[in-house]
All heavy atoms as atom14 arrays in JSON, in Angstrom:
{
  "sequence": "RELHVKTKKIKRVDMQLVMLNDKYDEVGRFSIYKAF",
  "atom14_mask": [
    [1, 1, 1, 1, 1, 1, 1, 1, 1, 1, 1, 0, 0, 0],
    [1, 1, 1, 1, 1, 1, 1, 1, 1, 0, 0, 0, 0, 0],
    [1, 1, 1, 1, 1, 1, 1, 1, 0, 0, 0, 0, 0, 0],
    [1, 1, 1, 1, 1, 1, 1, 1, 1, 1, 0, 0, 0, 0],
    [1, 1, 1, 1, 1, 1, 1, 0, 0, 0, 0, 0, 0, 0],
    [1, 1, 1, 1, 1, 1, 1, 1, 1, 0, 0, 0, 0, 0],
    [1, 1, 1, 1, 1, 1, 1, 0, 0, 0, 0, 0, 0, 0],
    [1, 1, 1, 1, 1, 1, 1, 1, 1, 0, 0, 0, 0, 0],
    [1, 1, 1, 1, 1, 1, 1, 1, 1, 0, 0, 0, 0, 0],
    [1, 1, 1, 1, 1, 1, 1, 1, 0, 0, 0, 0, 0, 0],
    [1, 1, 1, 1, 1, 1, 1, 1, 1, 0, 0, 0, 0, 0],
    [1, 1, 1, 1, 1, 1, 1, 1, 1, 1, 1, 0, 0, 0],
    [1, 1, 1, 1, 1, 1, 1, 0, 0, 0, 0, 0, 0, 0],
    [1, 1, 1, 1, 1, 1, 1, 1, 0, 0, 0, 0, 0, 0],
    [1, 1, 1, 1, 1, 1, 1, 1, 0, 0, 0, 0, 0, 0],
    [1, 1, 1, 1, 1, 1, 1, 1, 1, 0, 0, 0, 0, 0],
    [1, 1, 1, 1, 1, 1, 1, 1, 0, 0, 0, 0, 0, 0],
    [1, 1, 1, 1, 1, 1, 1, 0, 0, 0, 0, 0, 0, 0],
    [1, 1, 1, 1, 1, 1, 1, 1, 0, 0, 0, 0, 0, 0],
    [1, 1, 1, 1, 1, 1, 1, 1, 0, 0, 0, 0, 0, 0],
    [1, 1, 1, 1, 1, 1, 1, 1, 0, 0, 0, 0, 0, 0],
    [1, 1, 1, 1, 1, 1, 1, 1, 0, 0, 0, 0, 0, 0],
    [1, 1, 1, 1, 1, 1, 1, 1, 1, 0, 0, 0, 0, 0],
    [1, 1, 1, 1, 1, 1, 1, 1, 1, 1, 1, 1, 0, 0],
    [1, 1, 1, 1, 1, 1, 1, 1, 0, 0, 0, 0, 0, 0],
    [1, 1, 1, 1, 1, 1, 1, 1, 1, 0, 0, 0, 0, 0],
    [1, 1, 1, 1, 1, 1, 1, 0, 0, 0, 0, 0, 0, 0],
    [1, 1, 1, 1, 0, 0, 0, 0, 0, 0, 0, 0, 0, 0],
    [1, 1, 1, 1, 1, 1, 1, 1, 1, 1, 1, 0, 0, 0],
    [1, 1, 1, 1, 1, 1, 1, 1, 1, 1, 1, 0, 0, 0],
    [1, 1, 1, 1, 1, 1, 0, 0, 0, 0, 0, 0, 0, 0],
    [1, 1, 1, 1, 1, 1, 1, 1, 0, 0, 0, 0, 0, 0],
    [1, 1, 1, 1, 1, 1, 1, 1, 1, 1, 1, 1, 0, 0],
    [1, 1, 1, 1, 1, 1, 1, 1, 1, 0, 0, 0, 0, 0],
    [1, 1, 1, 1, 1, 0, 0, 0, 0, 0, 0, 0, 0, 0],
    [1, 1, 1, 1, 1, 1, 1, 1, 1, 1, 1, 0, 0, 0]
  ],
  "atom14_positions": [
    [[-15.23, -2.58, 30.08], [-16.7, -2.44, 30.19], [-17.07, -1.09, 30.78], [-18.1, -0.51, 30.43], [-17.29, -3.56, 31.05], [-17.31, -4.91, 30.38], [-18.28, -5.01, 29.23], [-19.63, -4.79, 29.71], [-20.6, -4.31, 28.97], [-20.39, -4.03, 27.71], [-21.8, -4.12, 29.45], [0.0, 0.0, 0.0], [0.0, 0.0, 0.0], [0.0, 0.0, 0.0]],
    [[-16.24, -0.56, 31.68], [-16.53, 0.74, 32.3], [-16.52, 1.88, 31.29], [-17.12, 2.92, 31.53], [-15.53, 1.02, 33.42], [-15.76, 0.2, 34.66], [-14.77, 0.51, 35.77], [-13.89, 1.37, 35.58], [-14.87, -0.13, 36.82], [0.0, 0.0, 0.0], [0.0, 0.0, 0.0], [0.0, 0.0, 0.0], [0.0, 0.0, 0.0], [0.0, 0.0, 0.0]],
    [[-15.86, 1.69, 30.15], [-15.85, 2.73, 29.11], [-17.24, 2.99, 28.56], [-17.53, 4.08, 28.07], [-14.94, 2.32, 27.94], [-13.46, 2.36, 28.14], [-12.75, 1.87, 26.89], [-12.98, 3.76, 28.48], [0.0, 0.0, 0.0], [0.0, 0.0, 0.0], [0.0, 0.0, 0.0], [0.0, 0.0, 0.0], [0.0, 0.0, 0.0], [0.0, 0.0, 0.0]],
    [[-18.11, 2.0, 28.63], [-19.41, 2.08, 27.98], [-20.57, 2.27, 28.95], [-21.72, 2.16, 28.55], [-19.62, 0.84, 27.11], [-18.53, 0.68, 26.09], [-18.43, 1.48, 25.0], [-17.46, -0.14, 26.06], [-17.36, 1.15, 24.3], [-16.75, 0.17, 24.92], [0.0, 0.0, 0.0], [0.0, 0.0, 0.0], [0.0, 0.0, 0.0], [0.0, 0.0, 0.0]],
    [[-20.26, 2.56, 30.19], [-21.3, 2.88, 31.16], [-21.55, 4.38, 31.07], [-20.66, 5.19, 31.33], [-20.87, 2.47, 32.59], [-21.92, 2.88, 33.6], [-20.61, 0.97, 32.66], [0.0, 0.0, 0.0], [0.0, 0.0, 0.0], [0.0, 0.0, 0.0], [0.0, 0.0, 0.0], [0.0, 0.0, 0.0], [0.0, 0.0, 0.0], [0.0, 0.0, 0.0]],
    [[-22.75, 4.75, 30.69], [-23.05, 6.16, 30.41], [-22.89, 7.05, 31.62], [-22.6, 8.23, 31.49], [-24.47, 6.29, 29.86], [-24.64, 5.72, 28.48], [-26.04, 5.89, 27.99], [-26.18, 5.27, 26.6], [-27.52, 5.41, 26.06], [0.0, 0.0, 0.0], [0.0, 0.0, 0.0], [0.0, 0.0, 0.0], [0.0, 0.0, 0.0], [0.0, 0.0, 0.0]],
    [[-23.11, 6.51, 32.8], [-23.05, 7.34, 34.01], [-21.63, 7.53, 34.52], [-21.42, 8.3, 35.45], [-23.9, 6.7, 35.13], [-23.4, 5.38, 35.38], [-25.36, 6.66, 34.75], [0.0, 0.0, 0.0], [0.0, 0.0, 0.0], [0.0, 0.0, 0.0], [0.0, 0.0, 0.0], [0.0, 0.0, 0.0], [0.0, 0.0, 0.0], [0.0, 0.0, 0.0]],
    [[-20.65, 6.84, 33.94], [-19.27, 6.96, 34.4], [-18.43, 7.73, 33.39], [-18.61, 7.61, 32.19], [-18.65, 5.58, 34.63], [-19.21, 4.84, 35.8], [-18.38, 3.62, 36.11], [-18.9, 2.95, 37.36], [-18.07, 1.84, 37.74], [0.0, 0.0, 0.0], [0.0, 0.0, 0.0], [0.0, 0.0, 0.0], [0.0, 0.0, 0.0], [0.0, 0.0, 0.0]],
    [[-17.51, 8.5, 33.92], [-16.55, 9.23, 33.09], [-15.45, 8.25, 32.68], [-15.09, 7.35, 33.44], [-15.95, 10.37, 33.91], [-14.99, 11.24, 33.16], [-14.49, 12.36, 34.07], [-13.45, 13.16, 33.33], [-12.87, 14.2, 34.17], [0.0, 0.0, 0.0], [0.0, 0.0, 0.0], [0.0, 0.0, 0.0], [0.0, 0.0, 0.0], [0.0, 0.0, 0.0]],
    [[-14.92, 8.41, 31.46], [-13.84, 7.54, 31.0], [-12.65, 7.7, 31.94], [-12.2, 8.82, 32.19], [-13.43, 7.85, 29.55], [-14.57, 7.47, 28.61], [-12.15, 7.12, 29.17], [-14.32, 7.82, 27.16], [0.0, 0.0, 0.0], [0.0, 0.0, 0.0], [0.0, 0.0, 0.0], [0.0, 0.0, 0.0], [0.0, 0.0, 0.0], [0.0, 0.0, 0.0]],
    [[-12.2, 6.58, 32.46], [-11.13, 6.59, 33.47], [-9.78, 6.41, 32.79], [-9.47, 5.35, 32.27], [-11.38, 5.46, 34.47], [-10.4, 5.42, 35.6], [-10.75, 4.3, 36.56], [-9.73, 4.18, 37.64], [-10.05, 3.05, 38.53], [0.0, 0.0, 0.0], [0.0, 0.0, 0.0], [0.0, 0.0, 0.0], [0.0, 0.0, 0.0], [0.0, 0.0, 0.0]],
    [[-8.97, 7.48, 32.78], [-7.6, 7.41, 32.28], [-6.69, 7.27, 33.49], [-6.87, 7.97, 34.48], [-7.24, 8.68, 31.51], [-7.96, 8.81, 30.18], [-7.61, 10.16, 29.55], [-8.07, 10.22, 28.18], [-7.26, 10.28, 27.13], [-5.95, 10.27, 27.3], [-7.74, 10.34, 25.92], [0.0, 0.0, 0.0], [0.0, 0.0, 0.0], [0.0, 0.0, 0.0]],
    [[-5.72, 6.39, 33.39], [-4.81, 6.16, 34.51], [-3.36, 6.3, 34.05], [-3.05, 6.12, 32.88], [-5.01, 4.77, 35.15], [-6.41, 4.62, 35.72], [-4.73, 3.66, 34.17], [0.0, 0.0, 0.0], [0.0, 0.0, 0.0], [0.0, 0.0, 0.0], [0.0, 0.0, 0.0], [0.0, 0.0, 0.0], [0.0, 0.0, 0.0], [0.0, 0.0, 0.0]],
    [[-2.5, 6.64, 34.99], [-1.07, 6.64, 34.74], [-0.54, 5.27, 35.15], [-0.98, 4.7, 36.15], [-0.37, 7.74, 35.52], [-0.76, 9.13, 35.03], [-1.27, 9.24, 33.9], [-0.53, 10.1, 35.77], [0.0, 0.0, 0.0], [0.0, 0.0, 0.0], [0.0, 0.0, 0.0], [0.0, 0.0, 0.0], [0.0, 0.0, 0.0], [0.0, 0.0, 0.0]],
    [[0.38, 4.75, 34.36], [0.95, 3.42, 34.59], [2.46, 3.53, 34.67], [3.05, 4.44, 34.09], [0.56, 2.48, 33.45], [-0.92, 2.34, 33.25], [-1.4, 1.54, 31.7], [-0.51, 0.03, 31.75], [0.0, 0.0, 0.0], [0.0, 0.0, 0.0], [0.0, 0.0, 0.0], [0.0, 0.0, 0.0], [0.0, 0.0, 0.0], [0.0, 0.0, 0.0]],
    [[3.07, 2.6, 35.37], [4.52, 2.54, 35.48], [4.96, 1.12, 35.14], [4.49, 0.16, 35.76], [4.98, 2.86, 36.91], [4.46, 4.17, 37.46], [5.16, 5.34, 36.83], [6.36, 5.32, 36.6], [4.4, 6.37, 36.53], [0.0, 0.0, 0.0], [0.0, 0.0, 0.0], [0.0, 0.0, 0.0], [0.0, 0.0, 0.0], [0.0, 0.0, 0.0]],
    [[5.85, 0.98, 34.16], [6.47, -0.3, 33.86], [7.86, -0.24, 34.49], [8.72, 0.51, 34.03], [6.55, -0.54, 32.36], [7.25, -1.83, 31.93], [6.55, -3.05, 32.51], [7.3, -1.92, 30.41], [0.0, 0.0, 0.0], [0.0, 0.0, 0.0], [0.0, 0.0, 0.0], [0.0, 0.0, 0.0], [0.0, 0.0, 0.0], [0.0, 0.0, 0.0]],
    [[8.06, -0.99, 35.55], [9.28, -0.92, 36.35], [10.17, -2.11, 36.01], [9.74, -3.25, 36.09], [8.95, -0.92, 37.86], [10.2, -0.8, 38.7], [7.95, 0.18, 38.19], [0.0, 0.0, 0.0], [0.0, 0.0, 0.0], [0.0, 0.0, 0.0], [0.0, 0.0, 0.0], [0.0, 0.0, 0.0], [0.0, 0.0, 0.0], [0.0, 0.0, 0.0]],
    [[11.41, -1.82, 35.6], [12.37, -2.88, 35.29], [13.24, -3.16, 36.51], [13.69, -2.23, 37.19], [13.25, -2.49, 34.1], [12.53, -2.65, 32.8], [12.42, -1.24, 31.72], [12.88, 0.17, 32.58], [0.0, 0.0, 0.0], [0.0, 0.0, 0.0], [0.0, 0.0, 0.0], [0.0, 0.0, 0.0], [0.0, 0.0, 0.0], [0.0, 0.0, 0.0]],
    [[13.47, -4.46, 36.76], [14.22, -4.9, 37.94], [15.47, -5.66, 37.5], [15.47, -6.32, 36.47], [13.34, -5.8, 38.8], [11.95, -5.24, 39.16], [11.08, -6.32, 39.75], [12.08, -4.07, 40.09], [0.0, 0.0, 0.0], [0.0, 0.0, 0.0], [0.0, 0.0, 0.0], [0.0, 0.0, 0.0], [0.0, 0.0, 0.0], [0.0, 0.0, 0.0]],
    [[16.53, -5.57, 38.3], [17.74, -6.34, 37.99], [17.64, -7.73, 38.62], [16.59, -8.11, 39.15], [19.01, -5.59, 38.43], [19.09, -5.4, 39.93], [18.37, -6.02, 40.71], [19.97, -4.51, 40.35], [0.0, 0.0, 0.0], [0.0, 0.0, 0.0], [0.0, 0.0, 0.0], [0.0, 0.0, 0.0], [0.0, 0.0, 0.0], [0.0, 0.0, 0.0]],
    [[18.74, -8.49, 38.58], [18.71, -9.87, 39.08], [18.52, -9.95, 40.59], [18.18, -11.0, 41.13], [19.98, -10.63, 38.66], [21.25, -9.97, 39.15], [21.23, -8.76, 39.43], [22.27, -10.67, 39.23], [0.0, 0.0, 0.0], [0.0, 0.0, 0.0], [0.0, 0.0, 0.0], [0.0, 0.0, 0.0], [0.0, 0.0, 0.0], [0.0, 0.0, 0.0]],
    [[18.7, -8.84, 41.31], [18.45, -8.8, 42.77], [17.09, -8.17, 43.07], [16.79, -7.86, 44.2], [19.56, -8.0, 43.44], [20.92, -8.65, 43.32], [21.98, -7.8, 43.96], [23.31, -8.49, 43.76], [24.33, -7.65, 43.2], [0.0, 0.0, 0.0], [0.0, 0.0, 0.0], [0.0, 0.0, 0.0], [0.0, 0.0, 0.0], [0.0, 0.0, 0.0]],
    [[16.32, -7.93, 42.01], [14.99, -7.32, 42.09], [15.04, -5.89, 42.62], [14.08, -5.42, 43.23], [14.03, -8.2, 42.91], [13.72, -9.48, 42.18], [14.48, -10.64, 42.41], [12.71, -9.54, 41.25], [14.23, -11.81, 41.72], [12.45, -10.71, 40.55], [13.21, -11.84, 40.8], [12.95, -12.98, 40.11], [0.0, 0.0, 0.0], [0.0, 0.0, 0.0]],
    [[16.15, -5.18, 42.36], [16.24, -3.75, 42.63], [15.8, -3.02, 41.37], [16.1, -3.45, 40.25], [17.67, -3.34, 42.97], [18.19, -4.01, 44.24], [17.39, -4.16, 45.18], [19.39, -4.37, 44.27], [0.0, 0.0, 0.0], [0.0, 0.0, 0.0], [0.0, 0.0, 0.0], [0.0, 0.0, 0.0], [0.0, 0.0, 0.0], [0.0, 0.0, 0.0]],
    [[15.13, -1.9, 41.54], [14.68, -1.14, 40.38], [15.87, -0.51, 39.65], [16.73, 0.11, 40.28], [13.72, -0.04, 40.82], [13.17, 0.76, 39.66], [12.14, 1.78, 40.08], [11.42, 1.55, 41.07], [12.07, 2.82, 39.41], [0.0, 0.0, 0.0], [0.0, 0.0, 0.0], [0.0, 0.0, 0.0], [0.0, 0.0, 0.0], [0.0, 0.0, 0.0]],
    [[15.9, -0.67, 38.32], [16.96, -0.07, 37.51], [16.41, 1.01, 36.57], [17.19, 1.76, 35.98], [17.74, -1.13, 36.7], [18.47, -2.06, 37.63], [16.83, -1.9, 35.77], [0.0, 0.0, 0.0], [0.0, 0.0, 0.0], [0.0, 0.0, 0.0], [0.0, 0.0, 0.0], [0.0, 0.0, 0.0], [0.0, 0.0, 0.0], [0.0, 0.0, 0.0]],
    [[15.12, 1.1, 36.43], [14.51, 2.12, 35.59], [13.02, 1.88, 35.46], [12.51, 0.81, 35.85], [0.0, 0.0, 0.0], [0.0, 0.0, 0.0], [0.0, 0.0, 0.0], [0.0, 0.0, 0.0], [0.0, 0.0, 0.0], [0.0, 0.0, 0.0], [0.0, 0.0, 0.0], [0.0, 0.0, 0.0], [0.0, 0.0, 0.0], [0.0, 0.0, 0.0]],
    [[12.33, 2.88, 34.93], [10.88, 2.74, 34.74], [10.41, 3.57, 33.56], [10.97, 4.61, 33.25], [10.12, 3.1, 36.0], [10.23, 4.52, 36.44], [9.38, 4.87, 37.66], [9.52, 3.93, 38.75], [8.53, 3.55, 39.54], [7.33, 4.05, 39.39], [8.73, 2.69, 40.5], [0.0, 0.0, 0.0], [0.0, 0.0, 0.0], [0.0, 0.0, 0.0]],
    [[9.37, 3.06, 32.91], [8.66, 3.8, 31.89], [7.38, 4.32, 32.53], [6.6, 3.54, 33.06], [8.3, 2.91, 30.69], [9.46, 2.58, 29.81], [10.18, 1.43, 30.02], [9.81, 3.41, 28.76], [11.25, 1.1, 29.19], [10.88, 3.1, 27.94], [11.59, 1.94, 28.15], [0.0, 0.0, 0.0], [0.0, 0.0, 0.0], [0.0, 0.0, 0.0]],
    [[7.18, 5.63, 32.5], [5.93, 6.23, 32.97], [5.03, 6.39, 31.76], [5.41, 7.02, 30.77], [6.2, 7.59, 33.61], [7.0, 7.46, 34.75], [0.0, 0.0, 0.0], [0.0, 0.0, 0.0], [0.0, 0.0, 0.0], [0.0, 0.0, 0.0], [0.0, 0.0, 0.0], [0.0, 0.0, 0.0], [0.0, 0.0, 0.0], [0.0, 0.0, 0.0]],
    [[3.84, 5.8, 31.83], [2.88, 5.8, 30.72], [1.68, 6.63, 31.18], [1.05, 6.3, 32.18], [2.48, 4.35, 30.37], [3.75, 3.57, 29.99], [1.44, 4.32, 29.28], [3.62, 2.09, 30.11], [0.0, 0.0, 0.0], [0.0, 0.0, 0.0], [0.0, 0.0, 0.0], [0.0, 0.0, 0.0], [0.0, 0.0, 0.0], [0.0, 0.0, 0.0]],
    [[1.39, 7.7, 30.44], [0.44, 8.7, 30.93], [-0.91, 8.64, 30.22], [-0.98, 8.47, 29.02], [1.03, 10.1, 30.75], [2.28, 10.31, 31.57], [3.53, 10.25, 30.98], [2.22, 10.53, 32.94], [4.69, 10.44, 31.72], [3.36, 10.71, 33.69], [4.59, 10.66, 33.08], [5.74, 10.84, 33.82], [0.0, 0.0, 0.0], [0.0, 0.0, 0.0]],
    [[-1.97, 8.81, 31.03], [-3.36, 8.93, 30.58], [-3.79, 7.75, 29.72], [-4.28, 7.91, 28.6], [-3.58, 10.26, 29.88], [-3.27, 11.42, 30.79], [-3.75, 12.71, 30.25], [-3.36, 13.77, 31.27], [-4.02, 14.99, 31.11], [0.0, 0.0, 0.0], [0.0, 0.0, 0.0], [0.0, 0.0, 0.0], [0.0, 0.0, 0.0], [0.0, 0.0, 0.0]],
    [[-3.64, 6.57, 30.26], [-3.95, 5.33, 29.54], [-5.4, 4.91, 29.76], [-5.96, 5.12, 30.84], [-3.02, 4.23, 30.01], [0.0, 0.0, 0.0], [0.0, 0.0, 0.0], [0.0, 0.0, 0.0], [0.0, 0.0, 0.0], [0.0, 0.0, 0.0], [0.0, 0.0, 0.0], [0.0, 0.0, 0.0], [0.0, 0.0, 0.0], [0.0, 0.0, 0.0]],
    [[-5.99, 4.32, 28.71], [-7.32, 3.71, 28.83], [-7.42, 2.6, 27.8], [-6.78, 2.62, 26.76], [-8.45, 4.75, 28.67], [-8.49, 5.4, 27.32], [-9.3, 4.9, 26.31], [-7.73, 6.52, 27.06], [-9.34, 5.5, 25.07], [-7.77, 7.14, 25.81], [-8.57, 6.62, 24.82], [0.0, 0.0, 0.0], [0.0, 0.0, 0.0], [0.0, 0.0, 0.0]]
  ]
}
């Protein structure tokens, strides 16, 4: 909905998809840039 508010700039965000192992330790991540 914020995309269509004329007074607001389109908000692009960076996202991280973090993969965890069976002990919930991070094993890798996908960095996703300028998402909307």
